[in-house]
Amino acid sequence: MAGTPARPPVLIVGNFLSRSTGTRGVCEDLAERLARRGWRVLTTSDRPGRTARLCHMVATCWRRRADYRVAQVDVFSGPAFLWAQAV
Protein backbone atom coordinates (compact mmCIF):
# COMPACT_ATOMS: atom_id res chain seq x y z
CA MET A 1 0.00 0.00 0.00
CA ALA A 2 1.38 3.40 -0.93
CA GLY A 3 2.11 5.60 2.05
CA THR A 4 2.07 2.71 4.51
CA PRO A 5 5.37 2.29 6.33
CA ALA A 6 7.01 -1.11 5.87
CA ARG A 7 6.97 -3.44 8.83
CA PRO A 8 10.47 -4.81 9.26
CA PRO A 9 10.88 -8.35 10.58
CA VAL A 10 11.39 -8.17 14.34
CA LEU A 11 13.21 -10.41 16.81
CA ILE A 12 11.90 -10.38 20.37
CA VAL A 13 14.40 -11.63 22.93
CA GLY A 14 12.95 -12.54 26.30
CA ASN A 15 11.65 -15.30 28.53
CA PHE A 16 8.98 -17.20 26.61
CA LEU A 17 8.39 -19.65 29.43
CA SER A 18 4.62 -19.74 29.88
CA ARG A 19 4.34 -23.29 28.55
CA SER A 20 6.75 -24.61 31.17
CA THR A 21 6.12 -22.26 34.10
CA GLY A 22 2.58 -21.00 33.58
CA THR A 23 3.83 -17.43 34.00
CA ARG A 24 3.31 -15.30 30.92
CA GLY A 25 5.80 -12.57 30.08
CA VAL A 26 5.02 -9.22 28.47
CA CYS A 27 7.24 -10.23 25.55
CA GLU A 28 4.85 -13.11 24.76
CA ASP A 29 1.88 -10.76 24.55
CA LEU A 30 3.85 -8.30 22.42
CA ALA A 31 4.94 -11.05 20.00
CA GLU A 32 1.38 -12.31 19.59
CA ARG A 33 -0.09 -8.85 19.09
CA LEU A 34 2.50 -7.85 16.51
CA ALA A 35 2.00 -11.13 14.62
CA ARG A 36 -1.79 -10.62 14.60
CA ARG A 37 -1.24 -7.20 13.05
CA GLY A 38 0.85 -8.60 10.22
CA TRP A 39 4.38 -8.27 11.56
CA ARG A 40 6.86 -11.07 10.93
CA VAL A 41 8.00 -11.98 14.46
CA LEU A 42 10.85 -14.22 15.60
CA THR A 43 11.18 -15.06 19.28
CA THR A 44 13.76 -16.45 21.66
CA SER A 45 13.90 -18.19 24.16
CA ASP A 46 11.65 -20.85 25.65
CA ARG A 47 14.53 -22.89 27.10
CA PRO A 48 14.33 -23.70 30.81
CA GLY A 49 17.43 -22.86 32.81
CA ARG A 50 19.36 -19.61 32.63
CA THR A 51 22.46 -20.93 30.90
CA ALA A 52 20.53 -22.85 28.24
CA ARG A 53 18.26 -19.83 27.67
CA LEU A 54 21.18 -17.41 27.31
CA CYS A 55 22.95 -19.74 24.87
CA HIS A 56 19.76 -20.10 22.84
CA MET A 57 19.23 -16.32 22.79
CA VAL A 58 22.76 -15.61 21.57
CA ALA A 59 22.67 -18.44 19.03
CA THR A 60 19.30 -17.28 17.66
CA CYS A 61 20.50 -13.68 17.34
CA TRP A 62 23.55 -14.83 15.41
CA ARG A 63 22.05 -17.59 13.27
CA ARG A 64 18.92 -15.67 12.33
CA ARG A 65 20.63 -12.28 11.88
CA ALA A 66 19.60 -12.11 8.21
CA ASP A 67 15.95 -12.78 9.12
CA TYR A 68 15.23 -9.66 11.19
CA ARG A 69 15.87 -5.92 10.98
CA VAL A 70 14.76 -4.82 14.44
CA ALA A 71 15.37 -6.49 17.80
CA GLN A 72 13.55 -5.85 21.05
CA VAL A 73 15.35 -7.21 24.12
CA ASP A 74 13.46 -7.58 27.41
CA VAL A 75 15.58 -6.26 30.28
CA PHE A 76 14.08 -6.15 33.76
CA SER A 77 16.71 -7.13 36.34
CA GLY A 78 20.44 -7.15 37.10
CA PRO A 79 21.35 -10.42 35.30
CA ALA A 80 19.20 -9.46 32.31
CA PHE A 81 21.44 -6.47 31.61
CA LEU A 82 24.33 -8.88 31.08
CA TRP A 83 22.19 -11.00 28.76
CA ALA A 84 21.25 -7.89 26.78
CA GLN A 85 24.95 -7.09 26.34
CA ALA A 86 25.54 -10.61 25.05
CA VAL A 87 22.87 -10.36 22.37
PDB file of N, CA and C in Angstrom:
ATOM      1  N   MET A   1       0.830  -1.171   0.000  1.00  0.00           N
ATOM      2  CA  MET A   1       0.000   0.000   0.000  1.00  0.00           C
ATOM      3  C   MET A   1       0.882   1.245   0.000  1.00  0.00           C
ATOM      4  N   ALA A   2       0.606   2.169  -0.873  1.00  0.00           N
ATOM      5  CA  ALA A   2       1.379   3.401  -0.930  1.00  0.00           C
ATOM      6  C   ALA A   2       1.142   4.216   0.333  1.00  0.00           C
ATOM      7  N   GLY A   3       2.214   4.771   0.863  1.00  0.00           N
ATOM      8  CA  GLY A   3       2.112   5.601   2.049  1.00  0.00           C
ATOM      9  C   GLY A   3       2.118   4.834   3.360  1.00  0.00           C
ATOM     10  N   THR A   4       2.031   3.520   3.294  1.00  0.00           N
ATOM     11  CA  THR A   4       2.066   2.712   4.513  1.00  0.00           C
ATOM     12  C   THR A   4       3.504   2.330   4.814  1.00  0.00           C
ATOM     13  N   PRO A   5       3.995   2.642   6.009  1.00  0.00           N
ATOM     14  CA  PRO A   5       5.375   2.286   6.327  1.00  0.00           C
ATOM     15  C   PRO A   5       5.553   0.769   6.359  1.00  0.00           C
ATOM     16  N   ALA A   6       6.706   0.322   5.868  1.00  0.00           N
ATOM     17  CA  ALA A   6       7.008  -1.112   5.871  1.00  0.00           C
ATOM     18  C   ALA A   6       7.164  -1.599   7.304  1.00  0.00           C
ATOM     19  N   ARG A   7       6.802  -2.824   7.515  1.00  0.00           N
ATOM     20  CA  ARG A   7       6.971  -3.442   8.833  1.00  0.00           C
ATOM     21  C   ARG A   7       8.169  -4.375   8.759  1.00  0.00           C
ATOM     22  N   PRO A   8       9.275  -3.958   9.328  1.00  0.00           N
ATOM     23  CA  PRO A   8      10.465  -4.810   9.256  1.00  0.00           C
ATOM     24  C   PRO A   8      10.292  -6.056  10.120  1.00  0.00           C
ATOM     25  N   PRO A   9      10.911  -7.164   9.719  1.00  0.00           N
ATOM     26  CA  PRO A   9      10.877  -8.355  10.580  1.00  0.00           C
ATOM     27  C   PRO A   9      11.519  -8.017  11.922  1.00  0.00           C
ATOM     28  N   VAL A  10      10.918  -8.512  12.999  1.00  0.00           N
ATOM     29  CA  VAL A  10      11.392  -8.171  14.338  1.00  0.00           C
ATOM     30  C   VAL A  10      11.740  -9.437  15.122  1.00  0.00           C
ATOM     31  N   LEU A  11      12.816  -9.346  15.887  1.00  0.00           N
ATOM     32  CA  LEU A  11      13.212 -10.407  16.811  1.00  0.00           C
ATOM     33  C   LEU A  11      12.909  -9.917  18.216  1.00  0.00           C
ATOM     34  N   ILE A  12      12.182 -10.717  18.974  1.00  0.00           N
ATOM     35  CA  ILE A  12      11.900 -10.383  20.366  1.00  0.00           C
ATOM     36  C   ILE A  12      12.657 -11.372  21.238  1.00  0.00           C
ATOM     37  N   VAL A  13      13.560 -10.824  22.054  1.00  0.00           N
ATOM     38  CA  VAL A  13      14.404 -11.625  22.934  1.00  0.00           C
ATOM     39  C   VAL A  13      13.881 -11.471  24.358  1.00  0.00           C
ATOM     40  N   GLY A  14      13.477 -12.573  24.944  1.00  0.00           N
ATOM     41  CA  GLY A  14      12.948 -12.535  26.304  1.00  0.00           C
ATOM     42  C   GLY A  14      12.689 -13.931  26.817  1.00  0.00           C
ATOM     43  N   ASN A  15      11.990 -14.008  27.925  1.00  0.00           N
ATOM     44  CA  ASN A  15      11.653 -15.295  28.527  1.00  0.00           C
ATOM     45  C   ASN A  15      10.268 -15.719  28.056  1.00  0.00           C
ATOM     46  N   PHE A  16      10.233 -16.655  27.128  1.00  0.00           N
ATOM     47  CA  PHE A  16       8.979 -17.200  26.606  1.00  0.00           C
ATOM     48  C   PHE A  16       8.727 -18.534  27.306  1.00  0.00           C
ATOM     49  N   LEU A  17       8.426 -18.457  28.585  1.00  0.00           N
ATOM     50  CA  LEU A  17       8.395 -19.646  29.435  1.00  0.00           C
ATOM     51  C   LEU A  17       6.999 -20.057  29.889  1.00  0.00           C
ATOM     52  N   SER A  18       5.959 -19.459  29.347  1.00  0.00           N
ATOM     53  CA  SER A  18       4.621 -19.737  29.876  1.00  0.00           C
ATOM     54  C   SER A  18       4.220 -21.201  29.735  1.00  0.00           C
ATOM     55  N   ARG A  19       4.689 -21.871  28.710  1.00  0.00           N
ATOM     56  CA  ARG A  19       4.341 -23.293  28.554  1.00  0.00           C
ATOM     57  C   ARG A  19       4.922 -24.141  29.675  1.00  0.00           C
ATOM     58  N   SER A  20       6.114 -23.789  30.138  1.00  0.00           N
ATOM     59  CA  SER A  20       6.751 -24.613  31.168  1.00  0.00           C
ATOM     60  C   SER A  20       6.511 -24.104  32.589  1.00  0.00           C
ATOM     61  N   THR A  21       6.280 -22.797  32.745  1.00  0.00           N
ATOM     62  CA  THR A  21       6.124 -22.257  34.101  1.00  0.00           C
ATOM     63  C   THR A  21       4.707 -21.791  34.415  1.00  0.00           C
ATOM     64  N   GLY A  22       3.923 -21.531  33.374  1.00  0.00           N
ATOM     65  CA  GLY A  22       2.585 -20.999  33.584  1.00  0.00           C
ATOM     66  C   GLY A  22       2.560 -19.492  33.775  1.00  0.00           C
ATOM     67  N   THR A  23       3.730 -18.878  33.847  1.00  0.00           N
ATOM     68  CA  THR A  23       3.834 -17.432  34.002  1.00  0.00           C
ATOM     69  C   THR A  23       4.097 -16.813  32.640  1.00  0.00           C
ATOM     70  N   ARG A  24       3.228 -15.910  32.247  1.00  0.00           N
ATOM     71  CA  ARG A  24       3.314 -15.300  30.923  1.00  0.00           C
ATOM     72  C   ARG A  24       4.050 -13.972  31.013  1.00  0.00           C
ATOM     73  N   GLY A  25       5.032 -13.802  30.124  1.00  0.00           N
ATOM     74  CA  GLY A  25       5.796 -12.567  30.077  1.00  0.00           C
ATOM     75  C   GLY A  25       5.185 -11.554  29.128  1.00  0.00           C
ATOM     76  N   VAL A  26       5.496 -10.296  29.345  1.00  0.00           N
ATOM     77  CA  VAL A  26       5.022  -9.221  28.474  1.00  0.00           C
ATOM     78  C   VAL A  26       5.491  -9.459  27.041  1.00  0.00           C
ATOM     79  N   CYS A  27       6.700  -9.993  26.888  1.00  0.00           N
ATOM     80  CA  CYS A  27       7.236 -10.231  25.547  1.00  0.00           C
ATOM     81  C   CYS A  27       6.364 -11.212  24.764  1.00  0.00           C
ATOM     82  N   GLU A  28       5.735 -12.164  25.443  1.00  0.00           N
ATOM     83  CA  GLU A  28       4.854 -13.114  24.760  1.00  0.00           C
ATOM     84  C   GLU A  28       3.616 -12.411  24.215  1.00  0.00           C
ATOM     85  N   ASP A  29       3.046 -11.525  25.015  1.00  0.00           N
ATOM     86  CA  ASP A  29       1.885 -10.757  24.555  1.00  0.00           C
ATOM     87  C   ASP A  29       2.263  -9.856  23.387  1.00  0.00           C
ATOM     88  N   LEU A  30       3.399  -9.188  23.493  1.00  0.00           N
ATOM     89  CA  LEU A  30       3.855  -8.305  22.421  1.00  0.00           C
ATOM     90  C   LEU A  30       4.045  -9.081  21.123  1.00  0.00           C
ATOM     91  N   ALA A  31       4.701 -10.231  21.193  1.00  0.00           N
ATOM     92  CA  ALA A  31       4.942 -11.045  19.995  1.00  0.00           C
ATOM     93  C   ALA A  31       3.625 -11.454  19.338  1.00  0.00           C
ATOM     94  N   GLU A  32       2.674 -11.896  20.133  1.00  0.00           N
ATOM     95  CA  GLU A  32       1.379 -12.311  19.588  1.00  0.00           C
ATOM     96  C   GLU A  32       0.628 -11.147  18.957  1.00  0.00           C
ATOM     97  N   ARG A  33       0.638 -10.009  19.622  1.00  0.00           N
ATOM     98  CA  ARG A  33      -0.093  -8.850  19.095  1.00  0.00           C
ATOM     99  C   ARG A  33       0.523  -8.338  17.794  1.00  0.00           C
ATOM    100  N   LEU A  34       1.845  -8.284  17.750  1.00  0.00           N
ATOM    101  CA  LEU A  34       2.495  -7.851  16.512  1.00  0.00           C
ATOM    102  C   LEU A  34       2.197  -8.821  15.371  1.00  0.00           C
ATOM    103  N   ALA A  35       2.274 -10.120  15.653  1.00  0.00           N
ATOM    104  CA  ALA A  35       1.997 -11.128  14.624  1.00  0.00           C
ATOM    105  C   ALA A  35       0.560 -11.008  14.113  1.00  0.00           C
ATOM    106  N   ARG A  36      -0.385 -10.784  15.008  1.00  0.00           N
ATOM    107  CA  ARG A  36      -1.790 -10.617  14.601  1.00  0.00           C
ATOM    108  C   ARG A  36      -1.982  -9.403  13.698  1.00  0.00           C
ATOM    109  N   ARG A  37      -1.121  -8.418  13.864  1.00  0.00           N
ATOM    110  CA  ARG A  37      -1.241  -7.201  13.049  1.00  0.00           C
ATOM    111  C   ARG A  37      -0.384  -7.247  11.789  1.00  0.00           C
ATOM    112  N   GLY A  38       0.148  -8.425  11.488  1.00  0.00           N
ATOM    113  CA  GLY A  38       0.852  -8.597  10.222  1.00  0.00           C
ATOM    114  C   GLY A  38       2.360  -8.486  10.270  1.00  0.00           C
ATOM    115  N   TRP A  39       2.928  -8.329  11.448  1.00  0.00           N
ATOM    116  CA  TRP A  39       4.377  -8.270  11.561  1.00  0.00           C
ATOM    117  C   TRP A  39       4.952  -9.678  11.471  1.00  0.00           C
ATOM    118  N   ARG A  40       6.130  -9.804  10.904  1.00  0.00           N
ATOM    119  CA  ARG A  40       6.864 -11.068  10.934  1.00  0.00           C
ATOM    120  C   ARG A  40       7.686 -11.050  12.217  1.00  0.00           C
ATOM    121  N   VAL A  41       7.406 -11.985  13.121  1.00  0.00           N
ATOM    122  CA  VAL A  41       8.004 -11.975  14.455  1.00  0.00           C
ATOM    123  C   VAL A  41       8.782 -13.264  14.699  1.00  0.00           C
ATOM    124  N   LEU A  42      10.030 -13.109  15.124  1.00  0.00           N
ATOM    125  CA  LEU A  42      10.851 -14.220  15.596  1.00  0.00           C
ATOM    126  C   LEU A  42      10.991 -14.044  17.099  1.00  0.00           C
ATOM    127  N   THR A  43      11.046 -15.151  17.828  1.00  0.00           N
ATOM    128  CA  THR A  43      11.183 -15.056  19.279  1.00  0.00           C
ATOM    129  C   THR A  43      12.270 -15.984  19.798  1.00  0.00           C
ATOM    130  N   THR A  44      12.831 -15.613  20.913  1.00  0.00           N
ATOM    131  CA  THR A  44      13.758 -16.454  21.663  1.00  0.00           C
ATOM    132  C   THR A  44      13.748 -15.994  23.104  1.00  0.00           C
ATOM    133  N   SER A  45      13.688 -16.772  24.104  1.00  0.00           N
ATOM    134  CA  SER A  45      13.897 -18.186  24.155  1.00  0.00           C
ATOM    135  C   SER A  45      12.900 -18.833  25.104  1.00  0.00           C
ATOM    136  N   ASP A  46      12.560 -20.075  24.798  1.00  0.00           N
ATOM    137  CA  ASP A  46      11.654 -20.847  25.650  1.00  0.00           C
ATOM    138  C   ASP A  46      12.400 -21.929  26.424  1.00  0.00           C
ATOM    139  N   ARG A  47      13.716 -21.862  26.434  1.00  0.00           N
ATOM    140  CA  ARG A  47      14.528 -22.885  27.105  1.00  0.00           C
ATOM    141  C   ARG A  47      14.497 -22.704  28.621  1.00  0.00           C
ATOM    142  N   PRO A  48      14.241 -23.791  29.348  1.00  0.00           N
ATOM    143  CA  PRO A  48      14.329 -23.705  30.809  1.00  0.00           C
ATOM    144  C   PRO A  48      15.794 -23.648  31.241  1.00  0.00           C
ATOM    145  N   GLY A  49      16.058 -22.979  32.312  1.00  0.00           N
ATOM    146  CA  GLY A  49      17.431 -22.859  32.812  1.00  0.00           C
ATOM    147  C   GLY A  49      18.129 -21.654  32.216  1.00  0.00           C
ATOM    148  N   ARG A  50      18.740 -20.863  33.069  1.00  0.00           N
ATOM    149  CA  ARG A  50      19.365 -19.606  32.632  1.00  0.00           C
ATOM    150  C   ARG A  50      20.449 -19.802  31.586  1.00  0.00           C
ATOM    151  N   THR A  51      21.343 -20.745  31.821  1.00  0.00           N
ATOM    152  CA  THR A  51      22.463 -20.933  30.898  1.00  0.00           C
ATOM    153  C   THR A  51      21.966 -21.387  29.535  1.00  0.00           C
ATOM    154  N   ALA A  52      21.073 -22.360  29.513  1.00  0.00           N
ATOM    155  CA  ALA A  52      20.526 -22.849  28.242  1.00  0.00           C
ATOM    156  C   ALA A  52      19.775 -21.737  27.520  1.00  0.00           C
ATOM    157  N   ARG A  53      19.027 -20.927  28.274  1.00  0.00           N
ATOM    158  CA  ARG A  53      18.261 -19.833  27.669  1.00  0.00           C
ATOM    159  C   ARG A  53      19.193 -18.775  27.084  1.00  0.00           C
ATOM    160  N   LEU A  54      20.230 -18.397  27.815  1.00  0.00           N
ATOM    161  CA  LEU A  54      21.184 -17.413  27.314  1.00  0.00           C
ATOM    162  C   LEU A  54      21.866 -17.917  26.051  1.00  0.00           C
ATOM    163  N   CYS A  55      22.300 -19.168  26.059  1.00  0.00           N
ATOM    164  CA  CYS A  55      22.951 -19.744  24.872  1.00  0.00           C
ATOM    165  C   CYS A  55      22.003 -19.744  23.679  1.00  0.00           C
ATOM    166  N   HIS A  56      20.745 -20.093  23.921  1.00  0.00           N
ATOM    167  CA  HIS A  56      19.758 -20.101  22.841  1.00  0.00           C
ATOM    168  C   HIS A  56      19.505 -18.688  22.315  1.00  0.00           C
ATOM    169  N   MET A  57      19.438 -17.709  23.212  1.00  0.00           N
ATOM    170  CA  MET A  57      19.235 -16.321  22.793  1.00  0.00           C
ATOM    171  C   MET A  57      20.372 -15.842  21.898  1.00  0.00           C
ATOM    172  N   VAL A  58      21.601 -16.055  22.345  1.00  0.00           N
ATOM    173  CA  VAL A  58      22.764 -15.605  21.574  1.00  0.00           C
ATOM    174  C   VAL A  58      22.831 -16.341  20.239  1.00  0.00           C
ATOM    175  N   ALA A  59      22.612 -17.647  20.268  1.00  0.00           N
ATOM    176  CA  ALA A  59      22.665 -18.437  19.034  1.00  0.00           C
ATOM    177  C   ALA A  59      21.589 -17.991  18.051  1.00  0.00           C
ATOM    178  N   THR A  60      20.387 -17.727  18.541  1.00  0.00           N
ATOM    179  CA  THR A  60      19.305 -17.278  17.663  1.00  0.00           C
ATOM    180  C   THR A  60      19.631 -15.924  17.050  1.00  0.00           C
ATOM    181  N   CYS A  61      20.127 -14.999  17.860  1.00  0.00           N
ATOM    182  CA  CYS A  61      20.500 -13.676  17.336  1.00  0.00           C
ATOM    183  C   CYS A  61      21.517 -13.806  16.212  1.00  0.00           C
ATOM    184  N   TRP A  62      22.486 -14.672  16.402  1.00  0.00           N
ATOM    185  CA  TRP A  62      23.551 -14.831  15.408  1.00  0.00           C
ATOM    186  C   TRP A  62      23.059 -15.591  14.178  1.00  0.00           C
ATOM    187  N   ARG A  63      22.460 -16.737  14.396  1.00  0.00           N
ATOM    188  CA  ARG A  63      22.052 -17.594  13.271  1.00  0.00           C
ATOM    189  C   ARG A  63      20.943 -16.988  12.429  1.00  0.00           C
ATOM    190  N   ARG A  64      20.068 -16.233  13.050  1.00  0.00           N
ATOM    191  CA  ARG A  64      18.923 -15.668  12.325  1.00  0.00           C
ATOM    192  C   ARG A  64      19.129 -14.195  11.986  1.00  0.00           C
ATOM    193  N   ARG A  65      20.360 -13.712  12.060  1.00  0.00           N
ATOM    194  CA  ARG A  65      20.630 -12.281  11.880  1.00  0.00           C
ATOM    195  C   ARG A  65      20.163 -11.735  10.535  1.00  0.00           C
ATOM    196  N   ALA A  66      20.074 -12.570   9.521  1.00  0.00           N
ATOM    197  CA  ALA A  66      19.598 -12.108   8.214  1.00  0.00           C
ATOM    198  C   ALA A  66      18.071 -12.100   8.130  1.00  0.00           C
ATOM    199  N   ASP A  67      17.408 -12.635   9.147  1.00  0.00           N
ATOM    200  CA  ASP A  67      15.952 -12.783   9.121  1.00  0.00           C
ATOM    201  C   ASP A  67      15.195 -11.684   9.857  1.00  0.00           C
ATOM    202  N   TYR A  68      15.904 -10.747  10.481  1.00  0.00           N
ATOM    203  CA  TYR A  68      15.226  -9.659  11.187  1.00  0.00           C
ATOM    204  C   TYR A  68      15.988  -8.354  10.982  1.00  0.00           C
ATOM    205  N   ARG A  69      15.267  -7.247  11.127  1.00  0.00           N
ATOM    206  CA  ARG A  69      15.867  -5.917  10.977  1.00  0.00           C
ATOM    207  C   ARG A  69      15.837  -5.132  12.282  1.00  0.00           C
ATOM    208  N   VAL A  70      14.935  -5.508  13.165  1.00  0.00           N
ATOM    209  CA  VAL A  70      14.761  -4.821  14.439  1.00  0.00           C
ATOM    210  C   VAL A  70      14.732  -5.874  15.537  1.00  0.00           C
ATOM    211  N   ALA A  71      15.409  -5.585  16.651  1.00  0.00           N
ATOM    212  CA  ALA A  71      15.369  -6.489  17.800  1.00  0.00           C
ATOM    213  C   ALA A  71      14.878  -5.730  19.024  1.00  0.00           C
ATOM    214  N   GLN A  72      14.033  -6.379  19.784  1.00  0.00           N
ATOM    215  CA  GLN A  72      13.551  -5.849  21.054  1.00  0.00           C
ATOM    216  C   GLN A  72      14.016  -6.839  22.109  1.00  0.00           C
ATOM    217  N   VAL A  73      14.780  -6.349  23.088  1.00  0.00           N
ATOM    218  CA  VAL A  73      15.347  -7.211  24.122  1.00  0.00           C
ATOM    219  C   VAL A  73      14.722  -6.837  25.463  1.00  0.00           C
ATOM    220  N   ASP A  74      14.030  -7.800  26.079  1.00  0.00           N
ATOM    221  CA  ASP A  74      13.458  -7.577  27.412  1.00  0.00           C
ATOM    222  C   ASP A  74      14.576  -7.496  28.439  1.00  0.00           C
ATOM    223  N   VAL A  75      14.598  -6.425  29.206  1.00  0.00           N
ATOM    224  CA  VAL A  75      15.581  -6.258  30.281  1.00  0.00           C
ATOM    225  C   VAL A  75      14.815  -5.748  31.495  1.00  0.00           C
ATOM    226  N   PHE A  76      14.878  -6.516  32.597  1.00  0.00           N
ATOM    227  CA  PHE A  76      14.076  -6.151  33.757  1.00  0.00           C
ATOM    228  C   PHE A  76      14.775  -6.371  35.088  1.00  0.00           C
ATOM    229  N   SER A  77      16.005  -6.902  35.073  1.00  0.00           N
ATOM    230  CA  SER A  77      16.705  -7.131  36.342  1.00  0.00           C
ATOM    231  C   SER A  77      18.212  -7.136  36.110  1.00  0.00           C
ATOM    232  N   GLY A  78      18.982  -7.166  37.187  1.00  0.00           N
ATOM    233  CA  GLY A  78      20.445  -7.151  37.102  1.00  0.00           C
ATOM    234  C   GLY A  78      21.038  -8.130  36.109  1.00  0.00           C
ATOM    235  N   PRO A  79      20.772  -9.455  36.237  1.00  0.00           N
ATOM    236  CA  PRO A  79      21.352 -10.416  35.298  1.00  0.00           C
ATOM    237  C   PRO A  79      20.905 -10.187  33.854  1.00  0.00           C
ATOM    238  N   ALA A  80      19.699  -9.686  33.661  1.00  0.00           N
ATOM    239  CA  ALA A  80      19.198  -9.464  32.307  1.00  0.00           C
ATOM    240  C   ALA A  80      20.014  -8.413  31.561  1.00  0.00           C
ATOM    241  N   PHE A  81      20.607  -7.470  32.277  1.00  0.00           N
ATOM    242  CA  PHE A  81      21.438  -6.469  31.612  1.00  0.00           C
ATOM    243  C   PHE A  81      22.664  -7.129  30.991  1.00  0.00           C
ATOM    244  N   LEU A  82      23.198  -8.137  31.650  1.00  0.00           N
ATOM    245  CA  LEU A  82      24.327  -8.882  31.078  1.00  0.00           C
ATOM    246  C   LEU A  82      23.886  -9.663  29.852  1.00  0.00           C
ATOM    247  N   TRP A  83      22.705 -10.254  29.906  1.00  0.00           N
ATOM    248  CA  TRP A  83      22.192 -11.000  28.761  1.00  0.00           C
ATOM    249  C   TRP A  83      21.992 -10.062  27.575  1.00  0.00           C
ATOM    250  N   ALA A  84      21.472  -8.867  27.852  1.00  0.00           N
ATOM    251  CA  ALA A  84      21.253  -7.894  26.782  1.00  0.00           C
ATOM    252  C   ALA A  84      22.570  -7.509  26.120  1.00  0.00           C
ATOM    253  N   GLN A  85      23.623  -7.369  26.906  1.00  0.00           N
ATOM    254  CA  GLN A  85      24.949  -7.090  26.338  1.00  0.00           C
ATOM    255  C   GLN A  85      25.396  -8.220  25.429  1.00  0.00           C
ATOM    256  N   ALA A  86      25.099  -9.450  25.822  1.00  0.00           N
ATOM    257  CA  ALA A  86      25.538 -10.614  25.045  1.00  0.00           C
ATOM    258  C   ALA A  86      24.855 -10.679  23.690  1.00  0.00           C
ATOM    259  N   VAL A  87      23.584 -10.294  23.643  1.00  0.00           N
ATOM    260  CA  VAL A  87      22.875 -10.365  22.366  1.00  0.00           C
ATOM    261  C   VAL A  87      22.998  -9.055  21.617  1.00  0.00           C
TER     262      VAL A  87
END
